[in-house]
C-alpha atoms as a PDB file:
ATOM      1  CA  GLY A   1       0.113   0.071  -0.307  1.00  0.00           C
ATOM      2  CA  ILE A   2       0.817   3.950  -0.184  1.00  0.00           C
ATOM      3  CA  GLY A   3       1.588   5.638   3.314  1.00  0.00           C
ATOM      4  CA  GLY A   4       1.298   9.238   4.374  1.00  0.00           C
ATOM      5  CA  GLY A   5       1.447  10.910   8.021  1.00  0.00           C
ATOM      6  CA  VAL A   6       2.875  14.239   9.679  1.00  0.00           C
ATOM      7  CA  ASP A   7       5.419  15.068  12.089  1.00  0.00           C
ATOM      8  CA  VAL A   8       5.631  17.797  14.192  1.00  0.00           C
ATOM      9  CA  GLU A   9       8.028  19.361  16.782  1.00  0.00           C
ATOM     10  CA  TYR A  10       7.064  22.504  18.293  1.00  0.00           C
ATOM     11  CA  ASP A  11       9.448  24.095  21.469  1.00  0.00           C
ATOM     12  CA  PHE A  12       8.034  27.000  23.479  1.00  0.00           C
ATOM     13  CA  MET A  13      10.043  26.462  26.737  1.00  0.00           C
ATOM     14  CA  ASP A  14      12.183  30.155  26.011  1.00  0.00           C
ATOM     15  CA  ASP A  15       9.104  31.921  24.248  1.00  0.00           C
ATOM     16  CA  PRO A  16       7.220  33.910  27.139  1.00  0.00           C
ATOM     17  CA  ALA A  17       5.135  35.464  24.022  1.00  0.00           C
ATOM     18  CA  SER A  18       3.319  32.358  23.770  1.00  0.00           C
ATOM     19  CA  ARG A  19       0.740  30.549  25.430  1.00  0.00           C
ATOM     20  CA  LEU A  20       2.406  27.540  25.486  1.00  0.00           C
ATOM     21  CA  PHE A  21       5.588  29.146  27.062  1.00  0.00           C
ATOM     22  CA  HIS A  22       7.081  26.503  29.114  1.00  0.00           C
ATOM     23  CA  SER A  23       5.629  23.613  26.595  1.00  0.00           C
ATOM     24  CA  SER A  24       7.619  21.429  24.174  1.00  0.00           C
ATOM     25  CA  GLY A  25       6.608  17.976  22.518  1.00  0.00           C
ATOM     26  CA  GLU A  26       5.698  16.438  19.117  1.00  0.00           C
ATOM     27  CA  PHE A  27       3.052  14.646  17.196  1.00  0.00           C
ATOM     28  CA  ASN A  28       3.643  11.543  14.671  1.00  0.00           C
ATOM     29  CA  SER A  29       1.089   9.923  12.173  1.00  0.00           C
ATOM     30  CA  LEU A  30       1.004   7.514   9.351  1.00  0.00           C
ATOM     31  CA  TYR A  31      -1.795   5.960   7.809  1.00  0.00           C
ATOM     32  CA  THR A  32      -2.135   3.465   4.761  1.00  0.00           C
ATOM     33  CA  THR A  33      -4.153   2.666   2.002  1.00  0.00           C
ATOM     34  CA  ARG A  34      -4.495  -0.665   3.837  1.00  0.00           C
ATOM     35  CA  ASP A  35      -6.202   0.752   6.890  1.00  0.00           C
ATOM     36  CA  ASP A  36      -2.855   0.758   8.906  1.00  0.00           C
ATOM     37  CA  GLY A  37      -0.963   3.410  10.961  1.00  0.00           C
ATOM     38  CA  TYR A  38      -0.358   5.310  14.292  1.00  0.00           C
ATOM     39  CA  HIS A  39      -0.981   8.713  15.710  1.00  0.00           C
ATOM     40  CA  HIS A  40       1.365   9.434  18.527  1.00  0.00           C
ATOM     41  CA  TRP A  41       1.782  13.023  20.555  1.00  0.00           C
ATOM     42  CA  TYR A  42       3.715  13.728  23.004  1.00  0.00           C
ATOM     43  CA  HIS A  43       3.306  17.373  25.208  1.00  0.00           C
ATOM     44  CA  ARG A  44       5.656  18.449  28.166  1.00  0.00           C
ATOM     45  CA  HIS A  45       4.948  21.542  30.566  1.00  0.00           C
ATOM     46  CA  GLU A  46       6.847  23.065  33.125  1.00  0.00           C
ATOM     47  CA  VAL A  47       4.672  24.789  34.938  1.00  0.00           C
ATOM     48  CA  SER A  48       7.631  25.339  37.822  1.00  0.00           C
ATOM     49  CA  ASP A  49      10.989  24.267  38.577  1.00  0.00           C
ATOM     50  CA  ASP A  50       9.229  21.557  40.940  1.00  0.00           C
ATOM     51  CA  THR A  51       6.021  20.743  38.844  1.00  0.00           C
ATOM     52  CA  LEU A  52       6.010  18.631  35.426  1.00  0.00           C
ATOM     53  CA  VAL A  53       3.067  18.202  33.168  1.00  0.00           C
ATOM     54  CA  LEU A  54       3.336  15.354  30.523  1.00  0.00           C
ATOM     55  CA  ALA A  55       0.683  13.918  28.709  1.00  0.00           C
ATOM     56  CA  GLN A  56       1.125  11.565  26.127  1.00  0.00           C
ATOM     57  CA  TRP A  57      -1.419  10.046  23.049  1.00  0.00           C
ATOM     58  CA  GLU A  58      -0.588   6.568  21.592  1.00  0.00           C
ATOM     59  CA  GLN A  59      -2.775   4.921  19.438  1.00  0.00           C
ATOM     60  CA  TRP A  60      -2.234   1.622  17.075  1.00  0.00           C
ATOM     61  CA  TYR A  61      -3.856   0.443  14.441  1.00  0.00           C
ATOM     62  CA  ASN A  62      -2.935  -3.182  14.831  1.00  0.00           C
ATOM     63  CA  PRO A  63      -0.524  -4.581  17.101  1.00  0.00           C
ATOM     64  CA  LYS A  64       2.636  -4.531  14.812  1.00  0.00           C
ATOM     65  CA  ILE A  65       2.482  -1.580  13.551  1.00  0.00           C
ATOM     66  CA  LEU A  66       5.881  -0.426  14.645  1.00  0.00           C
ATOM     67  CA  LYS A  67       7.397  -3.247  14.738  1.00  0.00           C
ATOM     68  CA  GLU A  68       6.424  -3.734  10.895  1.00  0.00           C
ATOM     69  CA  PHE A  69       7.497  -0.294   9.876  1.00  0.00           C
ATOM     70  CA  TYR A  70      10.835   0.332  12.317  1.00  0.00           C
ATOM     71  CA  GLN A  71      11.782  -2.608  12.954  1.00  0.00           C
ATOM     72  CA  ASP A  72      15.377  -1.499  14.157  1.00  0.00           C
ATOM     73  CA  ASP A  73      13.576   0.923  16.703  1.00  0.00           C
ATOM     74  CA  TYR A  74      10.971  -0.561  18.010  1.00  0.00           C
ATOM     75  CA  GLU A  75      11.880  -3.975  18.108  1.00  0.00           C
ATOM     76  CA  ASP A  76      11.569  -4.222  21.832  1.00  0.00           C
ATOM     77  CA  ARG A  77       9.040  -1.688  23.036  1.00  0.00           C
ATOM     78  CA  THR A  78       5.911  -2.329  25.454  1.00  0.00           C
ATOM     79  CA  GLY A  79       2.340  -1.151  23.649  1.00  0.00           C
ATOM     80  CA  PRO A  80       0.363   1.866  23.208  1.00  0.00           C
ATOM     81  CA  ARG A  81      -0.175   4.181  26.436  1.00  0.00           C
ATOM     82  CA  THR A  82      -2.580   7.239  27.011  1.00  0.00           C
ATOM     83  CA  PHE A  83      -1.780   9.174  30.211  1.00  0.00           C
ATOM     84  CA  ALA A  84      -1.559  12.585  31.896  1.00  0.00           C
ATOM     85  CA  ASN A  85       0.637  12.728  34.835  1.00  0.00           C
ATOM     86  CA  VAL A  86       1.216  15.832  37.023  1.00  0.00           C
ATOM     87  CA  THR A  87       4.172  15.054  38.902  1.00  0.00           C
ATOM     88  CA  HIS A  88       5.751  18.063  41.969  1.00  0.00           C
ATOM     89  CA  LEU A  89       9.086  17.485  43.650  1.00  0.00           C
ATOM     90  CA  GLY A  90       9.135  18.793  47.124  1.00  0.00           C
ATOM     91  CA  ASP A  91      11.642  19.082  49.865  1.00  0.00           C
ATOM     92  CA  GLY A  92      12.531  15.596  50.777  1.00  0.00           C
ATOM     93  CA  TYR A  93       9.272  14.120  48.805  1.00  0.00           C
ATOM     94  CA  ILE A  94       7.269  13.251  45.450  1.00  0.00           C
ATOM     95  CA  LEU A  95       3.635  14.101  44.898  1.00  0.00           C
ATOM     96  CA  SER A  96       1.697  12.559  41.721  1.00  0.00           C
ATOM     97  CA  GLY A  97      -1.361  12.131  39.989  1.00  0.00           C
ATOM     98  CA  THR A  98      -1.743  10.267  37.039  1.00  0.00           C
ATOM     99  CA  ALA A  99      -4.825   9.226  34.761  1.00  0.00           C
ATOM    100  CA  SER A 100      -4.821   7.264  32.033  1.00  0.00           C
ATOM    101  CA  LYS A 101      -7.244   4.893  29.234  1.00  0.00           C
ATOM    102  CA  SER A 102      -6.220   2.155  27.514  1.00  0.00           C
ATOM    103  CA  THR A 103      -7.743   2.201  24.030  1.00  0.00           C
ATOM    104  CA  HIS A 104      -6.846  -0.958  22.711  1.00  0.00           C
ATOM    105  CA  ASP A 105      -8.566  -4.364  22.628  1.00  0.00           C
ATOM    106  CA  PHE A 106      -4.789  -6.277  21.943  1.00  0.00           C
ATOM    107  CA  THR A 107      -3.585  -5.058  25.185  1.00  0.00           C
ATOM    108  CA  THR A 108      -3.412  -5.707  28.955  1.00  0.00           C
ATOM    109  CA  GLU A 109      -3.549  -2.602  31.167  1.00  0.00           C
ATOM    110  CA  THR A 110      -4.797  -1.252  34.285  1.00  0.00           C
ATOM    111  CA  GLU A 111      -6.546   1.898  33.794  1.00  0.00           C
ATOM    112  CA  LYS A 112      -6.401   5.186  36.883  1.00  0.00           C
ATOM    113  CA  PHE A 113      -9.497   7.051  37.044  1.00  0.00           C
ATOM    114  CA  PRO A 114      -7.308   8.579  38.608  1.00  0.00           C
ATOM    115  CA  ASP A 115      -4.328   7.698  40.542  1.00  0.00           C
ATOM    116  CA  ALA A 116      -2.347   9.805  43.362  1.00  0.00           C
ATOM    117  CA  SER A 117       0.808   9.050  44.981  1.00  0.00           C
ATOM    118  CA  PHE A 118       2.749   9.846  47.715  1.00  0.00           C
ATOM    119  CA  HIS A 119       6.538   9.123  48.270  1.00  0.00           C
ATOM    120  CA  LEU A 120       8.560  10.217  51.427  1.00  0.00           C
ATOM    121  CA  LEU A 121      12.056  10.210  50.723  1.00  0.00           C
ATOM    122  CA  GLU A 122      14.483   8.140  52.977  1.00  0.00           C
ATOM    123  CA  ARG A 123      14.485  10.521  55.407  1.00  0.00           C
ATOM    124  CA  HIS A 124      16.960  10.246  58.988  1.00  0.00           C
ATOM    125  CA  LEU A 125      14.965   9.546  62.052  1.00  0.00           C
ATOM    126  CA  GLY A 126      18.063   9.118  64.227  1.00  0.00           C
ATOM    127  CA  LYS A 127      21.643   7.357  64.282  1.00  0.00           C
ATOM    128  CA  LYS A 128      22.112   5.619  61.663  1.00  0.00           C
ATOM    129  CA  VAL A 129      17.597   4.721  61.368  1.00  0.00           C
ATOM    130  CA  TYR A 130      15.948   6.239  58.150  1.00  0.00           C
ATOM    131  CA  LEU A 131      12.375   5.553  56.857  1.00  0.00           C
ATOM    132  CA  ALA A 132      10.883   5.793  53.621  1.00  0.00           C
ATOM    133  CA  MET A 133       7.419   5.508  52.715  1.00  0.00           C
ATOM    134  CA  ASP A 134       4.823   5.148  49.510  1.00  0.00           C
ATOM    135  CA  SER A 135       1.089   5.598  49.574  1.00  0.00           C
ATOM    136  CA  TYR A 136      -0.959   5.220  46.260  1.00  0.00           C
ATOM    137  CA  ALA A 137      -5.090   6.045  45.829  1.00  0.00           C
ATOM    138  CA  GLY A 138      -7.135   5.446  43.298  1.00  0.00           C
ATOM    139  CA  TYR A 139     -10.002   3.121  41.065  1.00  0.00           C
ATOM    140  CA  TYR A 140      -8.185   0.925  39.047  1.00  0.00           C
ATOM    141  CA  HIS A 141      -9.513  -1.033  36.091  1.00  0.00           C
ATOM    142  CA  ASN A 142      -7.525  -3.574  34.310  1.00  0.00           C
ATOM    143  CA  THR A 143      -8.851  -4.343  30.432  1.00  0.00           C
ATOM    144  CA  PRO A 144      -9.366  -6.707  29.498  1.00  0.00           C
ATOM    145  CA  SER A 145      -9.693  -8.615  32.580  1.00  0.00           C
ATOM    146  CA  GLU A 146     -12.498  -6.676  33.782  1.00  0.00           C
ATOM    147  CA  VAL A 147     -11.043  -6.542  37.386  1.00  0.00           C
ATOM    148  CA  TYR A 148     -11.641  -2.870  38.827  1.00  0.00           C
ATOM    149  CA  SER A 149     -11.189  -1.816  42.567  1.00  0.00           C
ATOM    150  CA  GLN A 150     -10.345   1.117  44.386  1.00  0.00           C
ATOM    151  CA  ARG A 151      -7.355   0.707  46.281  1.00  0.00           C
ATOM    152  CA  TYR A 152      -5.299   2.606  49.074  1.00  0.00           C
ATOM    153  CA  ALA A 153      -1.789   1.281  49.249  1.00  0.00           C
ATOM    154  CA  HIS A 154       0.571   2.377  51.862  1.00  0.00           C
ATOM    155  CA  VAL A 155       3.779   0.486  52.275  1.00  0.00           C
ATOM    156  CA  ALA A 156       6.870   1.364  54.848  1.00  0.00           C
ATOM    157  CA  ARG A 157      10.585   0.663  55.427  1.00  0.00           C
ATOM    158  CA  LEU A 158      12.683   1.361  58.134  1.00  0.00           C
ATOM    159  CA  SER A 159      16.321   0.706  57.825  1.00  0.00           C
ATOM    160  CA  TYR A 160      19.727   0.646  59.610  1.00  0.00           C
ATOM    161  CA  ASP A 161      22.861   2.158  58.233  1.00  0.00           C
ATOM    162  CA  TRP A 162      25.368  -0.266  59.790  1.00  0.00           C
ATOM    163  CA  ASN A 163      28.913   0.976  58.495  1.00  0.00           C
ATOM    164  CA  ILE A 164      31.051  -2.291  59.457  1.00  0.00           C
ATOM    165  CA  MET A 165      34.211  -0.273  57.688  1.00  0.00           C
ATOM    166  CA  GLN A 166      35.105   2.235  54.981  1.00  0.00           C
ATOM    167  CA  GLY A 167      33.698   1.060  51.541  1.00  0.00           C
ATOM    168  CA  LEU A 168      31.019  -1.786  53.441  1.00  0.00           C
ATOM    169  CA  ASN A 169      27.968  -1.292  55.106  1.00  0.00           C
ATOM    170  CA  VAL A 170      25.328  -3.615  55.813  1.00  0.00           C
ATOM    171  CA  VAL A 171      21.652  -2.511  56.078  1.00  0.00           C
ATOM    172  CA  PRO A 172      19.106  -4.645  57.522  1.00  0.00           C
ATOM    173  CA  PHE A 173      15.500  -3.672  56.669  1.00  0.00           C
ATOM    174  CA  VAL A 174      11.835  -3.867  57.858  1.00  0.00           C
ATOM    175  CA  GLU A 175       9.028  -3.410  55.418  1.00  0.00           C
ATOM    176  CA  GLY A 176       5.184  -3.379  56.124  1.00  0.00           C
ATOM    177  CA  ALA A 177       2.375  -2.970  53.853  1.00  0.00           C
ATOM    178  CA  ALA A 178      -0.756  -2.229  54.017  1.00  0.00           C
ATOM    179  CA  THR A 179      -3.867  -2.517  51.171  1.00  0.00           C
ATOM    180  CA  HIS A 180      -7.964  -1.980  51.300  1.00  0.00           C
ATOM    181  CA  TYR A 181      -9.603  -3.274  48.226  1.00  0.00           C
ATOM    182  CA  SER A 182     -13.316  -2.139  47.430  1.00  0.00           C
ATOM    183  CA  ASN A 183     -14.132  -5.403  46.066  1.00  0.00           C
ATOM    184  CA  SER A 184     -11.625  -8.732  45.859  1.00  0.00           C
ATOM    185  CA  LEU A 185     -11.754 -11.583  43.574  1.00  0.00           C
ATOM    186  CA  ASP A 186     -13.543 -13.549  45.899  1.00  0.00           C
ATOM    187  CA  ASP A 187     -16.994 -12.123  46.352  1.00  0.00           C
ATOM    188  CA  GLY A 188     -16.324  -9.171  45.243  1.00  0.00           C
ATOM    189  CA  GLU A 189     -16.507  -7.325  49.162  1.00  0.00           C
ATOM    190  CA  SER A 190     -13.866  -5.429  50.234  1.00  0.00           C
ATOM    191  CA  ASP A 191     -10.700  -6.532  51.834  1.00  0.00           C
ATOM    192  CA  ALA A 192      -7.517  -5.152  53.133  1.00  0.00           C
ATOM    193  CA  LEU A 193      -4.184  -7.124  52.936  1.00  0.00           C
ATOM    194  CA  TYR A 194      -1.594  -6.562  55.634  1.00  0.00           C
ATOM    195  CA  SER A 195       1.750  -8.012  54.866  1.00  0.00           C
ATOM    196  CA  THR A 196       5.392  -7.911  56.169  1.00  0.00           C
ATOM    197  CA  MET A 197       8.928  -8.227  54.949  1.00  0.00           C
ATOM    198  CA  ALA A 198      12.324  -8.503  56.129  1.00  0.00           C
ATOM    199  CA  GLY A 199      15.876  -8.564  55.260  1.00  0.00           C
ATOM    200  CA  VAL A 200      19.255  -7.337  55.110  1.00  0.00           C
ATOM    201  CA  THR A 201      21.378  -5.922  52.149  1.00  0.00           C
ATOM    202  CA  THR A 202      25.388  -6.013  52.281  1.00  0.00           C
ATOM    203  CA  GLN A 203      26.914  -3.009  49.996  1.00  0.00           C
ATOM    204  CA  ALA A 204      30.143  -2.259  49.018  1.00  0.00           C
ATOM    205  CA  ARG A 205      31.599   0.761  47.643  1.00  0.00           C
ATOM    206  CA  PHE A 206      35.284   0.703  45.591  1.00  0.00           C
ATOM    207  CA  GLN A 207      36.255   3.594  43.792  1.00  0.00           C
ATOM    208  CA  ARG A 208      39.139   5.727  41.726  1.00  0.00           C
ATOM    209  CA  SER A 209      40.401   9.245  40.891  1.00  0.00           C
ATOM    210  CA  TYR A 210      40.944  10.164  36.832  1.00  0.00           C
ATOM    211  CA  ARG A 211      42.496  12.933  35.855  1.00  0.00           C
ATOM    212  CA  GLY A 212      40.328  15.884  34.130  1.00  0.00           C
ATOM    213  CA  LEU A 213      39.765  16.177  30.291  1.00  0.00           C
ATOM    214  CA  GLY A 214      38.066  19.435  28.912  1.00  0.00           C
ATOM    215  CA  LYS A 215      35.953  21.728  31.309  1.00  0.00           C
ATOM    216  CA  PHE A 216      36.299  18.791  33.800  1.00  0.00           C
ATOM    217  CA  GLU A 217      39.390  19.227  36.151  1.00  0.00           C
ATOM    218  CA  GLY A 218      38.922  15.803  37.317  1.00  0.00           C
ATOM    219  CA  PHE A 219      36.767  12.384  37.550  1.00  0.00           C
ATOM    220  CA  LYS A 220      35.858   9.663  39.565  1.00  0.00           C
ATOM    221  CA  HIS A 221      34.648   6.077  38.843  1.00  0.00           C
ATOM    222  CA  ILE A 222      32.158   4.359  41.324  1.00  0.00           C
ATOM    223  CA  VAL A 223      31.668   0.623  41.478  1.00  0.00           C
ATOM    224  CA  VAL A 224      28.813  -0.289  44.298  1.00  0.00           C
ATOM    225  CA  PRO A 225      28.220  -3.958  44.018  1.00  0.00           C
ATOM    226  CA  SER A 226      25.327  -5.527  46.994  1.00  0.00           C
ATOM    227  CA  ILE A 227      23.907  -8.579  47.671  1.00  0.00           C
ATOM    228  CA  SER A 228      20.295  -8.612  49.572  1.00  0.00           C
ATOM    229  CA  TYR A 229      18.610 -11.501  51.421  1.00  0.00           C
ATOM    230  CA  ILE A 230      14.629 -11.050  51.340  1.00  0.00           C
ATOM    231  CA  ASN A 231      12.192 -13.006  53.571  1.00  0.00           C
ATOM    232  CA  GLN A 232       8.526 -12.365  52.970  1.00  0.00           C
ATOM    233  CA  GLU A 233       5.928 -13.176  55.528  1.00  0.00           C
ATOM    234  CA  SER A 234       2.601 -14.475  54.734  1.00  0.00           C
ATOM    235  CA  SER A 235      -0.270 -12.093  54.023  1.00  0.00           C
ATOM    236  CA  SER A 236      -3.777 -11.584  55.624  1.00  0.00           C
ATOM    237  CA  MET A 237      -5.407 -12.293  51.990  1.00  0.00           C
ATOM    238  CA  ASP A 238      -5.174 -15.359  50.122  1.00  0.00           C
ATOM    239  CA  PHE A 239      -3.378 -14.535  47.081  1.00  0.00           C
ATOM    240  CA  GLU A 240      -5.664 -15.617  44.621  1.00  0.00           C
ATOM    241  CA  ASP A 241      -8.328 -13.225  46.572  1.00  0.00           C
ATOM    242  CA  VAL A 242      -6.052 -10.200  45.575  1.00  0.00           C
ATOM    243  CA  PRO A 243      -6.647  -7.692  42.766  1.00  0.00           C
ATOM    244  CA  ARG A 244      -3.725  -8.010  40.857  1.00  0.00           C
ATOM    245  CA  LEU A 245      -4.136  -4.524  38.964  1.00  0.00           C
ATOM    246  CA  ASN A 246      -0.186  -3.853  38.991  1.00  0.00           C
ATOM    247  CA  ASP A 247       3.146  -5.110  40.579  1.00  0.00           C
ATOM    248  CA  ILE A 248       1.895  -2.963  44.170  1.00  0.00           C
ATOM    249  CA  ASP A 249      -0.261  -5.882  44.624  1.00  0.00           C
ATOM    250  CA  ASP A 250       2.494  -8.791  43.180  1.00  0.00           C
ATOM    251  CA  ARG A 251       3.557  -9.380  47.210  1.00  0.00           C
ATOM    252  CA  PRO A 252       3.886 -13.936  47.593  1.00  0.00           C
ATOM    253  CA  ILE A 253       5.016 -15.216  50.244  1.00  0.00           C
ATOM    254  CA  ARG A 254       8.965 -16.342  49.393  1.00  0.00           C
ATOM    255  CA  ASP A 255      12.475 -16.243  50.139  1.00  0.00           C
ATOM    256  CA  ARG A 256      14.749 -14.733  47.508  1.00  0.00           C
ATOM    257  CA  VAL A 257      18.509 -13.283  46.939  1.00  0.00           C
ATOM    258  CA  GLU A 258      18.768 -10.480  44.947  1.00  0.00           C
ATOM    259  CA  THR A 259      22.348  -9.157  43.535  1.00  0.00           C
ATOM    260  CA  LYS A 260      23.214  -5.799  41.946  1.00  0.00           C
ATOM    261  CA  LEU A 261      25.966  -3.856  40.300  1.00  0.00           C
ATOM    262  CA  ASP A 262      26.228  -0.002  40.065  1.00  0.00           C
ATOM    263  CA  HIS A 263      28.558   1.918  38.425  1.00  0.00           C
ATOM    264  CA  VAL A 264      28.847   5.942  39.274  1.00  0.00           C
ATOM    265  CA  VAL A 265      30.480   8.442  37.008  1.00  0.00           C
ATOM    266  CA  LEU A 266      31.240  11.708  38.719  1.00  0.00           C
ATOM    267  CA  GLY A 267      32.873  14.645  37.091  1.00  0.00           C
ATOM    268  CA  ARG A 268      33.778  18.311  38.700  1.00  0.00           C
ATOM    269  CA  ASN A 269      32.914  20.839  36.159  1.00  0.00           C
ATOM    270  CA  SER A 270      36.206  23.224  36.562  1.00  0.00           C
ATOM    271  CA  VAL A 271      34.274  26.662  36.041  1.00  0.00           C
ATOM    272  CA  ASN A 272      31.660  26.227  39.136  1.00  0.00           C
ATOM    273  CA  GLY A 273      32.940  23.235  41.101  1.00  0.00           C
END
């Protein structure tokens, strides 16, 4: 067949005379004589230095459209998504609101009408003791499984940062979760899930400094390997009764070992340090 489309980019980040001041985005489309194609729109608006609005609309006319036309660029990407999000970064916390709608019958997706989340970043409570917390509230509908529920989820973690020696830390932690559902899967009545988790993380730190280059007076390469043992205790709801809307609800009983290796490269600017 024959295809045609429109690609548009706009950037009004530095144009105070525009009604779209502090906004940027792009629109892409393709349609063919075989009734195939897609429409994409992405928009970003910086309300302030700490508040950001993101909007996205992706409409496909078959599940393989991008892979058929742009295999090399999109061979590993997930399905289309449509959502709007507002995120505010505060002093030690993140506040976010998201609304999303499923517009395709060939994808499995959880709609949000809307979802509000609060994330308390790790906060120092006392000597070597830290607290972090995440909360979610909203109405969710998983398509096409037709699982739906209001959900109020709260997860809190306490950790103790024990520095055994320079470059080696051991961090035991305990985590508690409480989630209320307006509809459980067994009888459709409201129910609550309570669970606890405990574990320990051992983390090392190796670093090396290098001479500068160009505008940088020096570089530092940091390697952080870690290993964690985690024990997930039993929960108050049977796993088959939990409306599994996304990974927040996935709290099976298990023991597991996780490993991670982080590489961090830092550069010191010679102009401002």
